[in-house]
N, C-alpha and C. Protein backbone atom coordinates (compact mmCIF):
# COMPACT_ATOMS: atom_id res chain seq x y z
N MET A 1 -171.90 -257.72 -10.09
CA MET A 1 -170.84 -256.60 -9.83
C MET A 1 -170.91 -256.58 -8.28
N SER A 2 -171.99 -256.55 -7.49
CA SER A 2 -172.12 -256.87 -6.03
C SER A 2 -171.04 -257.60 -5.53
N ALA A 3 -171.29 -258.69 -5.76
CA ALA A 3 -170.49 -260.03 -5.27
C ALA A 3 -169.03 -259.69 -5.19
N LEU A 4 -168.66 -258.65 -6.60
CA LEU A 4 -167.13 -258.71 -6.52
C LEU A 4 -166.61 -257.61 -5.40
N PHE A 5 -167.69 -256.66 -5.19
CA PHE A 5 -167.30 -255.61 -4.12
C PHE A 5 -166.94 -256.78 -2.49
N VAL A 6 -167.97 -257.36 -2.50
CA VAL A 6 -167.89 -258.37 -1.27
C VAL A 6 -166.70 -259.20 -1.16
N ILE A 7 -166.30 -259.80 -2.19
CA ILE A 7 -164.74 -260.72 -2.45
C ILE A 7 -163.81 -259.82 -2.13
N VAL A 8 -163.83 -258.65 -2.90
CA VAL A 8 -162.57 -257.70 -2.76
C VAL A 8 -162.48 -257.16 -1.26
N GLY A 9 -163.55 -256.82 -0.71
CA GLY A 9 -163.54 -256.62 0.59
C GLY A 9 -163.22 -257.56 1.73
N GLY A 10 -163.92 -258.80 1.38
CA GLY A 10 -163.50 -259.91 2.22
C GLY A 10 -162.32 -260.35 2.36
N SER A 11 -161.71 -260.56 1.09
CA SER A 11 -160.28 -260.88 1.08
C SER A 11 -159.48 -260.02 1.76
N ILE A 12 -159.50 -258.97 1.76
CA ILE A 12 -158.37 -257.72 2.43
C ILE A 12 -158.90 -257.76 3.79
N GLY A 13 -160.15 -257.90 4.14
CA GLY A 13 -160.45 -258.02 5.54
C GLY A 13 -160.05 -259.48 6.42
N ALA A 14 -160.01 -260.53 5.52
CA ALA A 14 -159.66 -262.01 6.05
C ALA A 14 -157.94 -261.53 6.21
N LEU A 15 -157.45 -261.19 5.32
CA LEU A 15 -155.73 -261.13 5.28
C LEU A 15 -155.68 -259.92 6.57
N CYS A 16 -156.27 -259.13 6.67
CA CYS A 16 -155.96 -258.08 7.91
C CYS A 16 -156.24 -258.86 9.40
N ARG A 17 -157.56 -259.70 9.48
CA ARG A 17 -157.59 -260.43 10.30
C ARG A 17 -156.41 -261.31 10.63
N TYR A 18 -155.99 -262.21 9.81
CA TYR A 18 -154.86 -263.07 10.04
C TYR A 18 -153.36 -262.20 10.46
N TRP A 19 -153.34 -261.35 9.79
CA TRP A 19 -152.04 -260.43 10.32
C TRP A 19 -152.08 -260.06 11.69
N LEU A 20 -153.28 -259.26 11.96
CA LEU A 20 -153.40 -258.58 13.08
C LEU A 20 -153.38 -259.77 14.26
N GLY A 21 -154.08 -260.97 13.87
CA GLY A 21 -154.22 -262.03 14.84
C GLY A 21 -152.89 -262.38 15.41
N LEU A 22 -151.99 -262.69 14.16
CA LEU A 22 -150.67 -263.23 14.51
C LEU A 22 -149.98 -262.36 15.38
N ILE A 23 -149.98 -260.92 15.12
CA ILE A 23 -149.42 -260.05 15.89
C ILE A 23 -149.93 -259.84 17.57
N PHE A 24 -151.14 -259.94 17.83
CA PHE A 24 -151.49 -259.82 19.03
C PHE A 24 -151.33 -260.89 19.63
N LEU A 25 -151.50 -262.41 18.93
CA LEU A 25 -151.15 -263.56 19.39
C LEU A 25 -149.87 -263.71 20.37
N ALA A 26 -148.99 -262.93 19.47
CA ALA A 26 -147.46 -262.89 20.12
C ALA A 26 -147.25 -262.06 21.46
N TRP A 27 -148.35 -260.98 21.05
CA TRP A 27 -148.53 -260.08 22.49
C TRP A 27 -148.94 -260.31 23.56
N THR A 28 -149.84 -261.73 23.35
CA THR A 28 -150.73 -262.11 24.42
C THR A 28 -150.65 -263.42 24.66
N LYS A 29 -149.45 -264.08 24.10
CA LYS A 29 -149.40 -265.57 24.21
C LYS A 29 -149.24 -266.40 25.51
N LYS A 30 -149.10 -265.31 26.73
CA LYS A 30 -149.33 -266.11 27.99
C LYS A 30 -150.59 -265.97 28.71
N SER A 31 -151.36 -265.38 27.91
CA SER A 31 -152.82 -265.08 28.57
C SER A 31 -153.39 -266.38 28.33
N LYS A 32 -154.16 -266.81 29.38
CA LYS A 32 -155.06 -268.14 29.30
C LYS A 32 -156.45 -267.77 28.31
N MET A 33 -156.95 -266.83 28.48
CA MET A 33 -157.82 -266.03 27.61
C MET A 33 -157.39 -265.86 26.17
N PRO A 34 -158.31 -266.38 25.29
CA PRO A 34 -158.13 -265.94 23.73
C PRO A 34 -157.91 -264.84 23.29
N LEU A 35 -156.94 -263.75 24.07
CA LEU A 35 -157.11 -262.28 23.72
C LEU A 35 -157.05 -261.97 22.58
N SER A 36 -156.37 -262.45 21.40
CA SER A 36 -155.77 -262.43 19.94
C SER A 36 -157.33 -261.91 19.40
N MET A 37 -158.30 -262.96 19.28
CA MET A 37 -159.13 -262.76 18.36
C MET A 37 -160.42 -261.74 19.27
N LEU A 38 -160.42 -261.54 20.52
CA LEU A 38 -161.05 -260.53 21.17
C LEU A 38 -160.88 -259.29 20.82
N ILE A 39 -159.38 -259.00 20.61
CA ILE A 39 -159.09 -257.68 20.26
C ILE A 39 -159.29 -257.52 18.84
N VAL A 40 -159.16 -258.52 18.00
CA VAL A 40 -159.40 -257.99 16.50
C VAL A 40 -160.91 -257.96 16.54
N ASN A 41 -161.90 -258.43 17.04
CA ASN A 41 -163.40 -258.66 16.84
C ASN A 41 -163.55 -257.21 17.69
N ALA A 42 -162.95 -256.92 18.39
CA ALA A 42 -163.42 -255.51 19.27
C ALA A 42 -163.02 -254.44 18.52
N LEU A 43 -161.78 -254.22 17.62
CA LEU A 43 -161.32 -253.40 16.85
C LEU A 43 -162.33 -253.53 15.50
N GLY A 44 -162.89 -254.39 15.23
CA GLY A 44 -163.61 -254.60 13.85
C GLY A 44 -164.99 -253.81 14.32
N GLY A 45 -165.73 -254.07 15.83
CA GLY A 45 -166.81 -253.41 16.14
C GLY A 45 -166.65 -251.99 15.97
N LEU A 46 -165.16 -251.55 16.47
CA LEU A 46 -165.14 -249.97 16.29
C LEU A 46 -164.89 -249.33 15.15
N GLY A 47 -164.30 -250.16 14.10
CA GLY A 47 -164.20 -249.66 12.89
C GLY A 47 -165.42 -249.81 12.02
N LEU A 48 -166.51 -250.84 12.17
CA LEU A 48 -167.71 -250.54 11.54
C LEU A 48 -168.49 -249.68 12.23
N GLY A 49 -168.42 -249.37 13.32
CA GLY A 49 -169.14 -248.42 13.96
C GLY A 49 -168.83 -247.12 13.43
N VAL A 50 -167.54 -246.93 13.46
CA VAL A 50 -167.06 -245.33 12.45
C VAL A 50 -167.66 -245.35 11.18
N PHE A 51 -167.28 -246.61 10.28
CA PHE A 51 -168.03 -246.72 9.24
C PHE A 51 -169.51 -246.29 9.20
N TYR A 52 -170.01 -247.09 9.64
CA TYR A 52 -171.65 -246.66 9.84
C TYR A 52 -171.99 -245.15 10.13
N HIS A 53 -171.23 -244.64 10.95
CA HIS A 53 -171.29 -243.43 11.18
C HIS A 53 -171.02 -242.41 10.17
N PHE A 54 -170.26 -242.72 9.29
CA PHE A 54 -169.90 -241.79 8.11
C PHE A 54 -170.55 -242.18 6.93
N ALA A 55 -170.85 -243.72 6.96
CA ALA A 55 -171.46 -244.18 5.57
C ALA A 55 -172.88 -243.95 5.34
N PHE A 56 -173.62 -243.97 6.50
CA PHE A 56 -174.88 -244.07 6.67
C PHE A 56 -175.56 -242.40 6.59
N PRO A 57 -176.61 -242.03 6.09
CA PRO A 57 -177.66 -243.04 5.75
C PRO A 57 -177.81 -243.59 4.29
N SER A 58 -176.49 -243.90 4.05
CA SER A 58 -176.60 -244.65 2.40
C SER A 58 -176.65 -245.98 2.61
N SER A 59 -177.37 -246.40 1.33
CA SER A 59 -178.10 -247.65 1.38
C SER A 59 -177.17 -248.97 1.62
N SER A 60 -177.85 -250.04 2.41
CA SER A 60 -177.06 -251.16 2.66
C SER A 60 -176.91 -251.94 1.52
N THR A 61 -177.13 -251.56 0.21
CA THR A 61 -176.71 -252.21 -1.00
C THR A 61 -175.82 -251.46 -1.89
N SER A 62 -175.20 -250.36 -1.37
CA SER A 62 -174.57 -249.55 -2.25
C SER A 62 -173.22 -250.29 -2.15
N SER A 63 -172.24 -249.86 -3.26
CA SER A 63 -170.94 -250.62 -3.49
C SER A 63 -169.81 -250.32 -2.15
N LEU A 64 -170.15 -249.02 -1.73
CA LEU A 64 -169.33 -248.97 -0.69
C LEU A 64 -169.77 -249.45 0.80
N TYR A 65 -170.89 -250.06 0.91
CA TYR A 65 -171.24 -250.81 1.85
C TYR A 65 -171.11 -252.26 1.91
N LEU A 66 -171.11 -252.71 0.58
CA LEU A 66 -170.84 -253.87 -0.04
C LEU A 66 -169.47 -254.45 0.28
N LEU A 67 -168.27 -253.42 -0.12
CA LEU A 67 -167.07 -253.34 0.06
C LEU A 67 -166.60 -253.46 1.49
N VAL A 68 -166.87 -252.32 2.19
CA VAL A 68 -166.78 -252.11 3.52
C VAL A 68 -167.28 -252.73 4.49
N GLY A 69 -168.63 -252.52 4.45
CA GLY A 69 -169.40 -253.07 5.86
C GLY A 69 -169.67 -254.89 5.72
N THR A 70 -170.14 -255.25 4.33
CA THR A 70 -170.36 -256.54 4.45
C THR A 70 -169.08 -257.38 4.20
N GLY A 71 -168.16 -256.97 3.14
CA GLY A 71 -166.96 -257.65 2.74
C GLY A 71 -165.85 -257.52 3.91
N PHE A 72 -165.19 -256.45 3.82
CA PHE A 72 -164.08 -256.25 4.96
C PHE A 72 -164.25 -256.37 6.09
N PHE A 73 -165.43 -255.90 6.91
CA PHE A 73 -165.88 -256.15 8.29
C PHE A 73 -166.47 -257.50 8.47
N GLY A 74 -167.22 -257.78 7.59
CA GLY A 74 -167.57 -259.48 7.83
C GLY A 74 -166.80 -260.24 7.89
N ALA A 75 -165.34 -260.24 7.27
CA ALA A 75 -164.37 -261.04 6.98
C ALA A 75 -163.48 -260.95 8.13
N PHE A 76 -163.51 -259.52 8.61
CA PHE A 76 -162.18 -259.16 9.45
C PHE A 76 -162.95 -259.64 10.97
N THR A 77 -164.04 -259.49 11.26
CA THR A 77 -164.26 -260.27 12.45
C THR A 77 -165.06 -261.40 12.05
N THR A 78 -165.06 -262.41 13.45
CA THR A 78 -165.18 -263.71 13.11
C THR A 78 -165.97 -264.25 14.17
N PHE A 79 -167.01 -264.63 14.02
CA PHE A 79 -167.90 -265.39 15.19
C PHE A 79 -167.48 -266.76 14.97
N SER A 80 -167.29 -267.24 14.21
CA SER A 80 -166.79 -268.73 14.12
C SER A 80 -165.46 -269.08 14.76
N THR A 81 -164.52 -268.24 14.77
CA THR A 81 -163.56 -268.40 15.96
C THR A 81 -163.82 -268.03 17.13
N PHE A 82 -164.45 -267.26 17.52
CA PHE A 82 -164.68 -266.91 18.66
C PHE A 82 -165.64 -268.11 19.11
N SER A 83 -166.78 -268.73 18.55
CA SER A 83 -167.16 -269.90 19.03
C SER A 83 -166.19 -271.05 19.34
N VAL A 84 -165.20 -271.14 18.63
CA VAL A 84 -164.29 -272.25 18.61
C VAL A 84 -163.57 -271.95 20.02
N GLU A 85 -163.04 -270.87 20.12
CA GLU A 85 -162.23 -270.44 21.35
C GLU A 85 -163.00 -270.47 22.67
N ALA A 86 -164.34 -270.14 22.69
CA ALA A 86 -165.21 -270.21 23.78
C ALA A 86 -165.47 -271.82 24.16
N MET A 87 -165.58 -272.60 23.15
CA MET A 87 -165.74 -274.25 23.45
C MET A 87 -164.73 -274.76 23.96
N GLU A 88 -163.29 -274.16 23.68
CA GLU A 88 -162.14 -274.84 24.03
C GLU A 88 -161.85 -274.20 25.52
N LEU A 89 -162.25 -273.04 26.02
CA LEU A 89 -162.21 -272.79 27.52
C LEU A 89 -163.46 -273.95 28.02
N LEU A 90 -164.26 -274.16 27.53
CA LEU A 90 -165.45 -274.68 28.23
C LEU A 90 -164.88 -276.31 28.47
N GLN A 91 -164.30 -276.87 27.50
CA GLN A 91 -163.82 -278.35 27.48
C GLN A 91 -162.50 -278.15 28.65
N LYS A 92 -161.76 -277.22 28.89
CA LYS A 92 -161.14 -277.08 29.73
C LYS A 92 -161.22 -276.77 30.93
N LYS A 93 -162.77 -276.65 31.18
CA LYS A 93 -163.49 -276.38 32.45
C LYS A 93 -162.78 -275.19 33.22
N ALA A 94 -162.51 -274.37 32.14
CA ALA A 94 -161.86 -272.58 32.74
C ALA A 94 -163.06 -271.91 32.72
N TYR A 95 -164.30 -272.23 33.53
CA TYR A 95 -165.66 -271.67 33.42
C TYR A 95 -165.59 -270.20 33.70
N CYS A 96 -164.81 -269.68 34.44
CA CYS A 96 -164.44 -268.05 34.62
C CYS A 96 -164.07 -267.29 33.32
N LEU A 97 -162.92 -268.04 32.81
CA LEU A 97 -162.56 -267.72 31.70
C LEU A 97 -163.45 -267.64 30.54
N PHE A 98 -164.14 -268.74 30.54
CA PHE A 98 -165.40 -268.94 29.54
C PHE A 98 -166.41 -267.72 29.23
N PHE A 99 -166.75 -267.61 30.58
CA PHE A 99 -167.95 -266.78 30.84
C PHE A 99 -167.32 -265.26 30.72
N GLY A 100 -166.13 -264.80 31.01
CA GLY A 100 -165.66 -263.84 30.99
C GLY A 100 -164.99 -263.42 29.56
N TYR A 101 -164.63 -264.36 28.69
CA TYR A 101 -164.55 -264.11 27.27
C TYR A 101 -165.86 -263.67 26.29
N ILE A 102 -166.83 -264.57 26.92
CA ILE A 102 -168.01 -264.22 26.18
C ILE A 102 -168.86 -262.91 26.43
N LEU A 103 -168.47 -262.59 27.77
CA LEU A 103 -169.00 -261.10 28.26
C LEU A 103 -168.22 -260.23 27.73
N LEU A 104 -166.87 -260.25 27.71
CA LEU A 104 -165.85 -259.25 26.95
C LEU A 104 -166.13 -259.20 25.51
N SER A 105 -166.47 -260.32 25.02
CA SER A 105 -166.50 -260.07 23.36
C SER A 105 -167.73 -259.61 23.00
N PHE A 106 -168.87 -259.79 23.58
CA PHE A 106 -170.21 -259.40 23.50
C PHE A 106 -170.10 -257.82 23.76
N ALA A 107 -170.04 -257.54 25.01
CA ALA A 107 -170.00 -256.11 25.67
C ALA A 107 -168.85 -255.43 24.92
N GLY A 108 -167.94 -255.94 24.53
CA GLY A 108 -166.47 -255.07 24.21
C GLY A 108 -166.70 -254.48 22.61
N THR A 109 -167.41 -255.73 22.08
CA THR A 109 -167.54 -255.29 20.69
C THR A 109 -168.66 -254.38 19.98
N ILE A 110 -169.87 -254.68 21.07
CA ILE A 110 -171.17 -253.81 21.02
C ILE A 110 -170.72 -252.36 21.80
N GLY A 111 -170.05 -252.30 22.59
CA GLY A 111 -169.64 -251.14 23.19
C GLY A 111 -168.81 -250.28 22.34
N LEU A 112 -167.67 -250.80 21.85
CA LEU A 112 -166.78 -250.28 21.08
C LEU A 112 -167.32 -249.75 19.42
N PHE A 113 -168.64 -250.63 19.30
CA PHE A 113 -169.28 -250.08 17.97
C PHE A 113 -169.99 -248.98 18.31
N TYR A 114 -170.61 -248.96 19.51
CA TYR A 114 -171.31 -247.67 20.02
C TYR A 114 -170.72 -246.69 20.04
N LEU A 115 -169.23 -246.69 20.71
CA LEU A 115 -168.55 -245.46 20.57
C LEU A 115 -167.85 -244.87 19.11
N GLY A 116 -167.52 -245.91 18.35
CA GLY A 116 -167.32 -245.63 16.58
C GLY A 116 -168.47 -244.80 16.35
N TYR A 117 -169.66 -245.37 16.42
CA TYR A 117 -170.82 -244.72 15.85
C TYR A 117 -171.23 -243.26 16.49
N TYR A 118 -171.60 -243.18 17.85
CA TYR A 118 -171.89 -242.05 18.54
C TYR A 118 -170.80 -241.20 19.00
N GLY A 119 -169.72 -241.94 18.97
CA GLY A 119 -168.44 -240.88 19.39
C GLY A 119 -167.95 -240.19 18.39
N MET A 120 -168.07 -239.99 17.00
CA MET A 120 -167.73 -239.61 16.30
C MET A 120 -168.41 -238.10 15.96
């Protein structure tokens, strides 16, 4: 039954990432930095922080955690796409954008998680 919660949450999270990614891509298409996935991952960090604030100290094996934390936010945020986009910047020898993207991705996501968790 636990796997079902992860599957349902993951399916919804992946669809939300796809749709929001398309929207943000249309808004940021002139940018040389891959802002679409950066924004999605940052929003995921914020959302997961808010979720953690309200859902914990419940167990990380609870149905709610599996549905929202592991499933939805696990699929909504994506490290693999971040890695591909970072490597594309590196291959283009866009070193400043490469390091800026990495810094903004990590600092932004962790910072927004912190804001979501402690700012509530």
